[in-house]
C-alpha atoms as a PDB file:
ATOM      1  CA  MET A   1       0.000   0.000   0.000  1.00  0.00           C
ATOM      2  CA  ARG A   2       1.180   3.512  -0.834  1.00  0.00           C
ATOM      3  CA  ARG A   3       0.897   5.690   2.257  1.00  0.00           C
ATOM      4  CA  VAL A   4       0.634   9.442   1.735  1.00  0.00           C
ATOM      5  CA  LEU A   5       0.803  12.288   4.244  1.00  0.00           C
ATOM      6  CA  LEU A   6      -0.122  15.774   3.056  1.00  0.00           C
ATOM      7  CA  HIS A   7       0.825  18.355   5.698  1.00  0.00           C
ATOM      8  CA  LEU A   8      -1.031  21.468   4.543  1.00  0.00           C
ATOM      9  CA  GLY A   9      -0.178  23.966   7.240  1.00  0.00           C
ATOM     10  CA  LEU A  10      -1.497  26.162   8.525  1.00  0.00           C
ATOM     11  CA  HIS A  11       0.860  29.165   8.548  1.00  0.00           C
ATOM     12  CA  LYS A  12       2.466  30.023  11.881  1.00  0.00           C
ATOM     13  CA  THR A  13       1.452  26.745  13.535  1.00  0.00           C
ATOM     14  CA  GLY A  14       4.908  25.229  13.922  1.00  0.00           C
ATOM     15  CA  MET A  15       5.448  24.541  10.228  1.00  0.00           C
ATOM     16  CA  THR A  16       9.124  25.549  10.235  1.00  0.00           C
ATOM     17  CA  ALA A  17       9.842  23.142  13.093  1.00  0.00           C
ATOM     18  CA  ALA A  18       7.819  20.323  11.476  1.00  0.00           C
ATOM     19  CA  GLN A  19       9.675  20.753   8.195  1.00  0.00           C
ATOM     20  CA  SER A  20      12.980  20.877  10.065  1.00  0.00           C
ATOM     21  CA  PHE A  21      12.083  17.544  11.671  1.00  0.00           C
ATOM     22  CA  LEU A  22      11.432  16.001   8.273  1.00  0.00           C
ATOM     23  CA  HIS A  23      14.669  17.382   6.857  1.00  0.00           C
ATOM     24  CA  GLU A  24      16.783  16.275   9.827  1.00  0.00           C
ATOM     25  CA  ASN A  25      15.400  12.734   9.585  1.00  0.00           C
ATOM     26  CA  ARG A  26      15.370  12.463   5.789  1.00  0.00           C
ATOM     27  CA  LYS A  27      17.784   9.506   5.714  1.00  0.00           C
ATOM     28  CA  LEU A  28      15.341   7.434   7.755  1.00  0.00           C
ATOM     29  CA  ILE A  29      12.366   8.683   5.746  1.00  0.00           C
ATOM     30  CA  TRP A  30      13.609   8.339   2.183  1.00  0.00           C
ATOM     31  CA  PRO A  31      13.620   4.514   1.895  1.00  0.00           C
ATOM     32  CA  ARG A  32       9.888   4.553   2.706  1.00  0.00           C
ATOM     33  CA  PHE A  33       8.617   7.890   1.422  1.00  0.00           C
ATOM     34  CA  ALA A  34       9.477  10.464  -1.209  1.00  0.00           C
ATOM     35  CA  LEU A  35       9.873  13.695   0.751  1.00  0.00           C
ATOM     36  CA  VAL A  36       8.627  17.020  -0.640  1.00  0.00           C
ATOM     37  CA  LEU A  37       9.475  20.137   1.357  1.00  0.00           C
ATOM     38  CA  PRO A  38       9.052  23.847   0.542  1.00  0.00           C
ATOM     39  CA  TYR A  39      12.406  24.247  -1.172  1.00  0.00           C
ATOM     40  CA  LYS A  40      11.048  21.944  -3.874  1.00  0.00           C
ATOM     41  CA  THR A  41       7.505  23.278  -4.090  1.00  0.00           C
ATOM     42  CA  ARG A  42       8.674  26.887  -4.158  1.00  0.00           C
ATOM     43  CA  ASN A  43      11.586  26.461  -6.538  1.00  0.00           C
ATOM     44  CA  SER A  44       9.280  24.634  -8.929  1.00  0.00           C
ATOM     45  CA  GLY A  45       6.603  27.344  -8.792  1.00  0.00           C
ATOM     46  CA  LEU A  46       4.027  24.985  -7.286  1.00  0.00           C
ATOM     47  CA  SER A  47       3.589  27.082  -4.173  1.00  0.00           C
ATOM     48  CA  GLU A  48       2.909  30.159  -6.283  1.00  0.00           C
ATOM     49  CA  SER A  49       0.314  28.237  -8.309  1.00  0.00           C
ATOM     50  CA  ALA A  50      -1.555  27.398  -5.106  1.00  0.00           C
ATOM     51  CA  THR A  51      -1.425  30.919  -3.684  1.00  0.00           C
ATOM     52  CA  ARG A  52      -2.476  32.391  -7.036  1.00  0.00           C
ATOM     53  CA  HIS A  53      -5.602  30.285  -6.938  1.00  0.00           C
ATOM     54  CA  SER A  54      -6.330  31.318  -3.341  1.00  0.00           C
ATOM     55  CA  LEU A  55      -6.327  34.932  -4.535  1.00  0.00           C
ATOM     56  CA  TYR A  56      -8.389  34.596  -7.708  1.00  0.00           C
ATOM     57  CA  ARG A  57     -10.537  31.458  -7.100  1.00  0.00           C
ATOM     58  CA  LEU A  58     -10.998  30.799 -10.829  1.00  0.00           C
ATOM     59  CA  ASP A  59     -11.517  27.458 -12.556  1.00  0.00           C
ATOM     60  CA  SER A  60      -8.436  28.261 -14.620  1.00  0.00           C
ATOM     61  CA  THR A  61      -6.180  28.923 -11.610  1.00  0.00           C
ATOM     62  CA  LEU A  62      -7.316  25.712  -9.904  1.00  0.00           C
ATOM     63  CA  ALA A  63      -6.747  23.738 -13.109  1.00  0.00           C
ATOM     64  CA  GLY A  64      -3.328  25.361 -13.425  1.00  0.00           C
ATOM     65  CA  PHE A  65      -2.394  24.209  -9.936  1.00  0.00           C
ATOM     66  CA  GLY A  66      -3.566  20.693 -10.733  1.00  0.00           C
ATOM     67  CA  SER A  67      -1.651  20.500 -14.020  1.00  0.00           C
ATOM     68  CA  HIS A  68       1.504  21.864 -12.422  1.00  0.00           C
ATOM     69  CA  LEU A  69       1.234  19.393  -9.557  1.00  0.00           C
ATOM     70  CA  HIS A  70       0.615  16.483 -11.930  1.00  0.00           C
ATOM     71  CA  ALA A  71       3.827  17.263 -13.853  1.00  0.00           C
ATOM     72  CA  PHE A  72       5.762  17.655 -10.594  1.00  0.00           C
ATOM     73  CA  LEU A  73       4.656  14.300  -9.151  1.00  0.00           C
ATOM     74  CA  ASP A  74       5.300  12.534 -12.459  1.00  0.00           C
ATOM     75  CA  ASP A  75       8.975  13.437 -12.092  1.00  0.00           C
ATOM     76  CA  LEU A  76       9.313  11.915  -8.621  1.00  0.00           C
ATOM     77  CA  ASP A  77      10.735   8.420  -8.159  1.00  0.00           C
ATOM     78  CA  PHE A  78       8.453   6.351  -5.940  1.00  0.00           C
ATOM     79  CA  GLY A  79      10.060   3.023  -6.704  1.00  0.00           C
ATOM     80  CA  ALA A  80       8.015  -0.117  -6.127  1.00  0.00           C
ATOM     81  CA  ARG A  81       6.637   0.734  -2.678  1.00  0.00           C
ATOM     82  CA  ARG A  82       7.619   4.225  -1.601  1.00  0.00           C
ATOM     83  CA  GLY A  83       4.856   6.554  -0.428  1.00  0.00           C
ATOM     84  CA  LEU A  84       4.824  10.341  -0.185  1.00  0.00           C
ATOM     85  CA  ILE A  85       5.211  12.933   2.564  1.00  0.00           C
ATOM     86  CA  LEU A  86       4.574  16.514   1.494  1.00  0.00           C
ATOM     87  CA  SER A  87       4.683  19.547   3.775  1.00  0.00           C
ATOM     88  CA  GLU A  88       3.759  22.947   2.338  1.00  0.00           C
ATOM     89  CA  GLU A  89       1.629  25.548   4.131  1.00  0.00           C
ATOM     90  CA  ASN A  90       1.012  27.538   0.960  1.00  0.00           C
ATOM     91  CA  PHE A  91      -1.015  24.615  -0.397  1.00  0.00           C
ATOM     92  CA  ALA A  92      -3.733  25.852   1.973  1.00  0.00           C
ATOM     93  CA  GLY A  93      -3.574  29.252   0.287  1.00  0.00           C
ATOM     94  CA  LEU A  94      -1.795  32.554   0.730  1.00  0.00           C
ATOM     95  CA  ARG A  95      -1.047  33.645   4.286  1.00  0.00           C
ATOM     96  CA  PRO A  96      -4.305  35.218   5.547  1.00  0.00           C
ATOM     97  CA  SER A  97      -2.665  38.526   6.456  1.00  0.00           C
ATOM     98  CA  ARG A  98      -1.854  38.887   2.756  1.00  0.00           C
ATOM     99  CA  ASN A  99      -5.278  37.721   1.626  1.00  0.00           C
ATOM    100  CA  LYS A 100      -7.623  39.235   4.201  1.00  0.00           C
ATOM    101  CA  ARG A 101     -10.778  38.848   2.137  1.00  0.00           C
ATOM    102  CA  GLU A 102     -10.421  35.125   1.397  1.00  0.00           C
ATOM    103  CA  GLY A 103      -8.247  33.857   4.231  1.00  0.00           C
ATOM    104  CA  TYR A 104      -8.104  30.080   3.857  1.00  0.00           C
ATOM    105  CA  GLY A 105     -11.316  29.957   1.821  1.00  0.00           C
ATOM    106  CA  ALA A 106      -9.597  28.076  -0.995  1.00  0.00           C
ATOM    107  CA  ALA A 107      -8.072  25.411   1.262  1.00  0.00           C
ATOM    108  CA  PRO A 108     -10.789  22.748   0.687  1.00  0.00           C
ATOM    109  CA  GLU A 109     -10.648  22.945  -3.112  1.00  0.00           C
ATOM    110  CA  LEU A 110      -6.852  23.039  -3.142  1.00  0.00           C
ATOM    111  CA  ALA A 111      -6.806  19.955  -0.904  1.00  0.00           C
ATOM    112  CA  GLU A 112      -9.342  18.201  -3.120  1.00  0.00           C
ATOM    113  CA  THR A 113      -7.235  18.883  -6.203  1.00  0.00           C
ATOM    114  CA  LEU A 114      -4.098  17.699  -4.428  1.00  0.00           C
ATOM    115  CA  VAL A 115      -5.744  14.444  -3.361  1.00  0.00           C
ATOM    116  CA  SER A 116      -7.129  13.872  -6.862  1.00  0.00           C
ATOM    117  CA  VAL A 117      -3.717  14.330  -8.475  1.00  0.00           C
ATOM    118  CA  VAL A 118      -2.014  12.072  -5.917  1.00  0.00           C
ATOM    119  CA  ARG A 119      -4.578   9.332  -6.567  1.00  0.00           C
ATOM    120  CA  ARG A 120      -4.026   9.652 -10.295  1.00  0.00           C
ATOM    121  CA  ARG A 121      -0.246   9.432  -9.797  1.00  0.00           C
ATOM    122  CA  PHE A 122      -0.684   6.160  -7.897  1.00  0.00           C
ATOM    123  CA  LEU A 123      -3.405   4.779 -10.152  1.00  0.00           C
ATOM    124  CA  GLY A 124      -3.443   0.998  -9.950  1.00  0.00           C
ATOM    125  CA  HIS A 125      -1.982   0.987  -6.432  1.00  0.00           C
ATOM    126  CA  GLU A 126      -3.885   0.826  -3.177  1.00  0.00           C
ATOM    127  CA  THR A 127      -3.331   4.237  -1.606  1.00  0.00           C
ATOM    128  CA  ASP A 128      -4.024   5.500   1.898  1.00  0.00           C
ATOM    129  CA  ILE A 129      -4.025   9.309   2.161  1.00  0.00           C
ATOM    130  CA  THR A 130      -3.896  11.362   5.351  1.00  0.00           C
ATOM    131  CA  ILE A 131      -4.144  15.144   5.439  1.00  0.00           C
ATOM    132  CA  TYR A 132      -2.514  16.691   8.493  1.00  0.00           C
ATOM    133  CA  ILE A 133      -3.405  20.242   9.503  1.00  0.00           C
ATOM    134  CA  SER A 134      -1.634  21.833  12.455  1.00  0.00           C
ATOM    135  CA  LEU A 135      -3.581  24.309  14.582  1.00  0.00           C
ATOM    136  CA  ARG A 136      -2.818  27.048  17.108  1.00  0.00           C
ATOM    137  CA  ALA A 137      -4.773  29.097  19.643  1.00  0.00           C
ATOM    138  CA  ARG A 138      -6.191  32.093  17.791  1.00  0.00           C
ATOM    139  CA  ASP A 139      -4.629  34.854  19.900  1.00  0.00           C
ATOM    140  CA  GLN A 140      -1.133  33.396  19.588  1.00  0.00           C
ATOM    141  CA  TRP A 141      -1.657  32.651  15.895  1.00  0.00           C
ATOM    142  CA  LEU A 142      -2.645  36.265  15.199  1.00  0.00           C
ATOM    143  CA  ARG A 143       0.304  37.540  17.217  1.00  0.00           C
ATOM    144  CA  SER A 144       2.658  35.314  15.220  1.00  0.00           C
ATOM    145  CA  LEU A 145       1.193  36.504  11.901  1.00  0.00           C
ATOM    146  CA  TRP A 146       1.560  40.099  13.072  1.00  0.00           C
ATOM    147  CA  ALA A 147       5.151  39.544  14.204  1.00  0.00           C
ATOM    148  CA  HIS A 148       5.995  37.969  10.849  1.00  0.00           C
ATOM    149  CA  ASP A 149       4.564  40.882   8.889  1.00  0.00           C
ATOM    150  CA  LEU A 150       6.287  43.401  11.157  1.00  0.00           C
ATOM    151  CA  GLN A 151       9.629  41.818  10.335  1.00  0.00           C
ATOM    152  CA  LYS A 152       9.090  41.184   6.631  1.00  0.00           C
ATOM    153  CA  SER A 153       7.355  44.428   5.624  1.00  0.00           C
ATOM    154  CA  ARG A 154       6.921  48.038   6.732  1.00  0.00           C
ATOM    155  CA  MET A 155       3.626  47.308   8.418  1.00  0.00           C
ATOM    156  CA  VAL A 156       2.513  50.049  10.819  1.00  0.00           C
ATOM    157  CA  GLN A 157      -0.580  48.475  12.412  1.00  0.00           C
ATOM    158  CA  ASP A 158      -0.468  47.538  16.062  1.00  0.00           C
ATOM    159  CA  LEU A 159      -1.626  44.068  17.104  1.00  0.00           C
ATOM    160  CA  ASP A 160      -5.153  45.161  18.007  1.00  0.00           C
ATOM    161  CA  ALA A 161      -5.768  46.788  14.611  1.00  0.00           C
ATOM    162  CA  PHE A 162      -4.179  43.851  12.803  1.00  0.00           C
ATOM    163  CA  SER A 163      -6.335  41.347  14.709  1.00  0.00           C
ATOM    164  CA  SER A 164      -9.459  43.388  14.052  1.00  0.00           C
ATOM    165  CA  ASP A 165      -8.809  43.242  10.304  1.00  0.00           C
ATOM    166  CA  LEU A 166      -8.782  39.429  10.464  1.00  0.00           C
ATOM    167  CA  ALA A 167     -11.621  38.996  12.963  1.00  0.00           C
ATOM    168  CA  HIS A 168     -14.085  37.965  10.237  1.00  0.00           C
ATOM    169  CA  LEU A 169     -12.068  34.921   9.198  1.00  0.00           C
ATOM    170  CA  PRO A 170     -13.140  31.425  10.302  1.00  0.00           C
ATOM    171  CA  SER A 171     -11.122  29.742  13.027  1.00  0.00           C
ATOM    172  CA  LEU A 172      -8.313  27.389  12.081  1.00  0.00           C
ATOM    173  CA  GLN A 173     -10.421  24.498  13.381  1.00  0.00           C
ATOM    174  CA  GLU A 174     -13.259  25.558  11.067  1.00  0.00           C
ATOM    175  CA  THR A 175     -10.808  25.581   8.160  1.00  0.00           C
ATOM    176  CA  ALA A 176      -9.731  22.026   9.003  1.00  0.00           C
ATOM    177  CA  ASP A 177     -13.381  20.981   9.318  1.00  0.00           C
ATOM    178  CA  ALA A 178     -14.138  22.451   5.878  1.00  0.00           C
ATOM    179  CA  VAL A 179     -11.336  20.347   4.378  1.00  0.00           C
ATOM    180  CA  ARG A 180     -12.657  17.262   6.182  1.00  0.00           C
ATOM    181  CA  ASN A 181     -16.181  17.877   4.912  1.00  0.00           C
ATOM    182  CA  ARG A 182     -14.909  18.300   1.352  1.00  0.00           C
ATOM    183  CA  LEU A 183     -12.970  15.024   1.481  1.00  0.00           C
ATOM    184  CA  PRO A 184     -14.996  12.456   3.479  1.00  0.00           C
ATOM    185  CA  SER A 185     -12.990   9.538   2.059  1.00  0.00           C
ATOM    186  CA  VAL A 186      -9.673  10.937   3.348  1.00  0.00           C
ATOM    187  CA  THR A 187      -8.386  10.938   6.924  1.00  0.00           C
ATOM    188  CA  VAL A 188      -7.973  14.545   8.084  1.00  0.00           C
ATOM    189  CA  ARG A 189      -5.935  14.789  11.276  1.00  0.00           C
ATOM    190  CA  THR A 190      -5.352  17.889  13.378  1.00  0.00           C
ATOM    191  CA  GLU A 191      -2.999  18.639  16.242  1.00  0.00           C
ATOM    192  CA  TRP A 192      -2.693  21.763  18.363  1.00  0.00           C
ATOM    193  CA  MET A 193       0.736  23.359  18.396  1.00  0.00           C
ATOM    194  CA  GLU A 194       0.456  23.999  22.137  1.00  0.00           C
ATOM    195  CA  ALA A 195      -0.080  20.292  22.876  1.00  0.00           C
ATOM    196  CA  LEU A 196       3.213  19.350  21.203  1.00  0.00           C
ATOM    197  CA  GLN A 197       5.535  21.831  22.874  1.00  0.00           C
ATOM    198  CA  ASN A 198       6.775  19.461  25.583  1.00  0.00           C
ATOM    199  CA  HIS A 199       7.071  16.383  23.368  1.00  0.00           C
ATOM    200  CA  ARG A 200      10.599  15.104  22.712  1.00  0.00           C
ATOM    201  CA  LEU A 201      10.087  15.581  18.981  1.00  0.00           C
ATOM    202  CA  GLY A 202       8.043  18.779  19.289  1.00  0.00           C
ATOM    203  CA  ALA A 203       6.160  19.633  16.115  1.00  0.00           C
ATOM    204  CA  GLY A 204       7.585  16.473  14.561  1.00  0.00           C
ATOM    205  CA  ALA A 205       5.645  14.157  16.877  1.00  0.00           C
ATOM    206  CA  PRO A 206       2.570  13.637  14.633  1.00  0.00           C
ATOM    207  CA  LEU A 207       4.882  13.080  11.669  1.00  0.00           C
ATOM    208  CA  ALA A 208       6.889  10.501  13.589  1.00  0.00           C
ATOM    209  CA  GLU A 209       3.655   8.714  14.474  1.00  0.00           C
ATOM    210  CA  PHE A 210       2.699   8.582  10.803  1.00  0.00           C
ATOM    211  CA  LEU A 211       6.118   7.160   9.858  1.00  0.00           C
ATOM    212  CA  ASN A 212       5.420   4.180  12.110  1.00  0.00           C
ATOM    213  CA  LEU A 213       9.063   3.092  12.064  1.00  0.00           C
ATOM    214  CA  PRO A 214      10.289  -0.044  13.845  1.00  0.00           C
ATOM    215  CA  PRO A 215      11.414   0.715  17.430  1.00  0.00           C
ATOM    216  CA  ASP A 216      15.123   0.540  16.599  1.00  0.00           C
ATOM    217  CA  LEU A 217      14.695   3.182  13.884  1.00  0.00           C
ATOM    218  CA  SER A 218      12.114   5.256  15.733  1.00  0.00           C
ATOM    219  CA  SER A 219      14.606   5.724  18.568  1.00  0.00           C
ATOM    220  CA  GLN A 220      16.988   7.356  16.096  1.00  0.00           C
ATOM    221  CA  LEU A 221      14.576  10.151  15.192  1.00  0.00           C
ATOM    222  CA  VAL A 222      15.769  13.586  16.274  1.00  0.00           C
ATOM    223  CA  GLY A 223      13.748  16.676  17.054  1.00  0.00           C
ATOM    224  CA  PRO A 224      13.638  19.809  14.910  1.00  0.00           C
ATOM    225  CA  ALA A 225      16.884  21.729  14.618  1.00  0.00           C
ATOM    226  CA  HIS A 226      15.133  24.939  13.589  1.00  0.00           C
ATOM    227  CA  GLY A 227      11.991  26.847  14.417  1.00  0.00           C
ATOM    228  CA  THR A 228      10.661  30.376  14.222  1.00  0.00           C
ATOM    229  CA  PRO A 229      11.879  32.500  17.169  1.00  0.00           C
ATOM    230  CA  THR A 230       9.242  34.097  19.378  1.00  0.00           C
ATOM    231  CA  PHE A 231      10.248  37.655  20.199  1.00  0.00           C
ATOM    232  CA  SER A 232       9.148  39.517  23.297  1.00  0.00           C
ATOM    233  CA  ASP A 233       6.515  42.238  23.195  1.00  0.00           C
ATOM    234  CA  ASP A 234       9.247  44.825  23.781  1.00  0.00           C
ATOM    235  CA  VAL A 235      11.205  43.712  20.719  1.00  0.00           C
ATOM    236  CA  LEU A 236       8.091  43.723  18.544  1.00  0.00           C
ATOM    237  CA  GLN A 237       7.212  47.221  19.740  1.00  0.00           C
ATOM    238  CA  GLU A 238      10.721  48.376  18.778  1.00  0.00           C
ATOM    239  CA  ILE A 239      10.254  46.900  15.291  1.00  0.00           C
ATOM    240  CA  LEU A 240       6.868  48.618  15.010  1.00  0.00           C
ATOM    241  CA  ALA A 241       8.453  51.932  15.992  1.00  0.00           C
ATOM    242  CA  LEU A 242      11.062  51.523  13.247  1.00  0.00           C
ATOM    243  CA  ASN A 243       8.336  50.745  10.688  1.00  0.00           C
ATOM    244  CA  ARG A 244       6.496  53.902  11.746  1.00  0.00           C
ATOM    245  CA  SER A 245       9.613  56.084  11.797  1.00  0.00           C
ATOM    246  CA  SER A 246      10.591  58.733   9.246  1.00  0.00           C
ATOM    247  CA  LEU A 247      13.683  56.749   8.235  1.00  0.00           C
ATOM    248  CA  ASP A 248      13.996  56.000   4.538  1.00  0.00           C
ATOM    249  CA  ASP A 249      13.495  52.352   3.589  1.00  0.00           C
ATOM    250  CA  ALA A 250      17.183  51.513   3.327  1.00  0.00           C
ATOM    251  CA  ALA A 251      18.029  52.921   6.756  1.00  0.00           C
ATOM    252  CA  MET A 252      14.944  51.365   8.327  1.00  0.00           C
ATOM    253  CA  ILE A 253      15.781  47.919   6.914  1.00  0.00           C
ATOM    254  CA  THR A 254      19.376  48.165   8.168  1.00  0.00           C
ATOM    255  CA  GLN A 255      18.286  49.079  11.689  1.00  0.00           C
ATOM    256  CA  LYS A 256      15.542  46.454  11.720  1.00  0.00           C
ATOM    257  CA  LYS A 257      17.924  43.708  10.619  1.00  0.00           C
ATOM    258  CA  ALA A 258      20.337  44.676  13.402  1.00  0.00           C
ATOM    259  CA  LEU A 259      17.533  44.670  15.990  1.00  0.00           C
ATOM    260  CA  ILE A 260      16.237  41.274  14.857  1.00  0.00           C
ATOM    261  CA  GLN A 261      19.728  39.764  14.865  1.00  0.00           C
ATOM    262  CA  SER A 262      20.349  41.081  18.370  1.00  0.00           C
ATOM    263  CA  ALA A 263      17.036  39.618  19.561  1.00  0.00           C
ATOM    264  CA  GLN A 264      17.847  36.256  17.959  1.00  0.00           C
ATOM    265  CA  ASN A 265      21.279  36.221  19.632  1.00  0.00           C
ATOM    266  CA  GLU A 266      19.670  36.917  22.986  1.00  0.00           C
ATOM    267  CA  LEU A 267      17.187  34.073  22.518  1.00  0.00           C
ATOM    268  CA  ALA A 268      20.064  31.736  21.563  1.00  0.00           C
ATOM    269  CA  ARG A 269      21.917  32.635  24.776  1.00  0.00           C
ATOM    270  CA  GLN A 270      18.822  31.797  26.810  1.00  0.00           C
ATOM    271  CA  THR A 271      18.495  28.267  25.400  1.00  0.00           C
END
């Protein structure tokens, strides 16, 4: 049987750590599963195809994603028995703070297309597909989205205004439920980021469970080497002040980079 795990996000729910877990343990994974991580989906343009559809919601953009994905999977070597593990948060759609009107509205149809293409790729083989969607408490999720946008753009909204702009969006659980309702023949699993924080493998724990390795190999699995740093409120307020300042873009970016690097160094010293 071909076993398939499609980890479709969501953004800012421990995805970096989960993908780090998969990368760190790739030598144990590869004999059993082809591994597709964001460096492949983004370099190939697949991620952009998915986010384009989440913006425009056209039959043509969804078909374009499906065609692109079909060509991508055709090029992968699955051997006689190898399954597939894919982890890409943009396959649920563009980050909601960049797509405030739609949010994750396109996630169910993107997931349906993904499942359809995977089944076609393994036509003639018995295939078991699991969709895994990681979740996070809404207040911390919004704070993490806000912190990301503060660092990556010259956003000037405070957290309250930012959260208010996204208040109309369904919860992450509702997004996962919409995917489950769209695909009743597929297992849709969810895990809360907060519940995994104290696990030895952290965000990699649900992925390790799916791997179902023999005990001697399971004991060799290592936890994520990388994750997204969580900055203090004071640091985020300093970044916000820089974004709001009268500095030109070049000077603002230089000072912001220095501030972020200093904050990262401080976090590293504390661990």
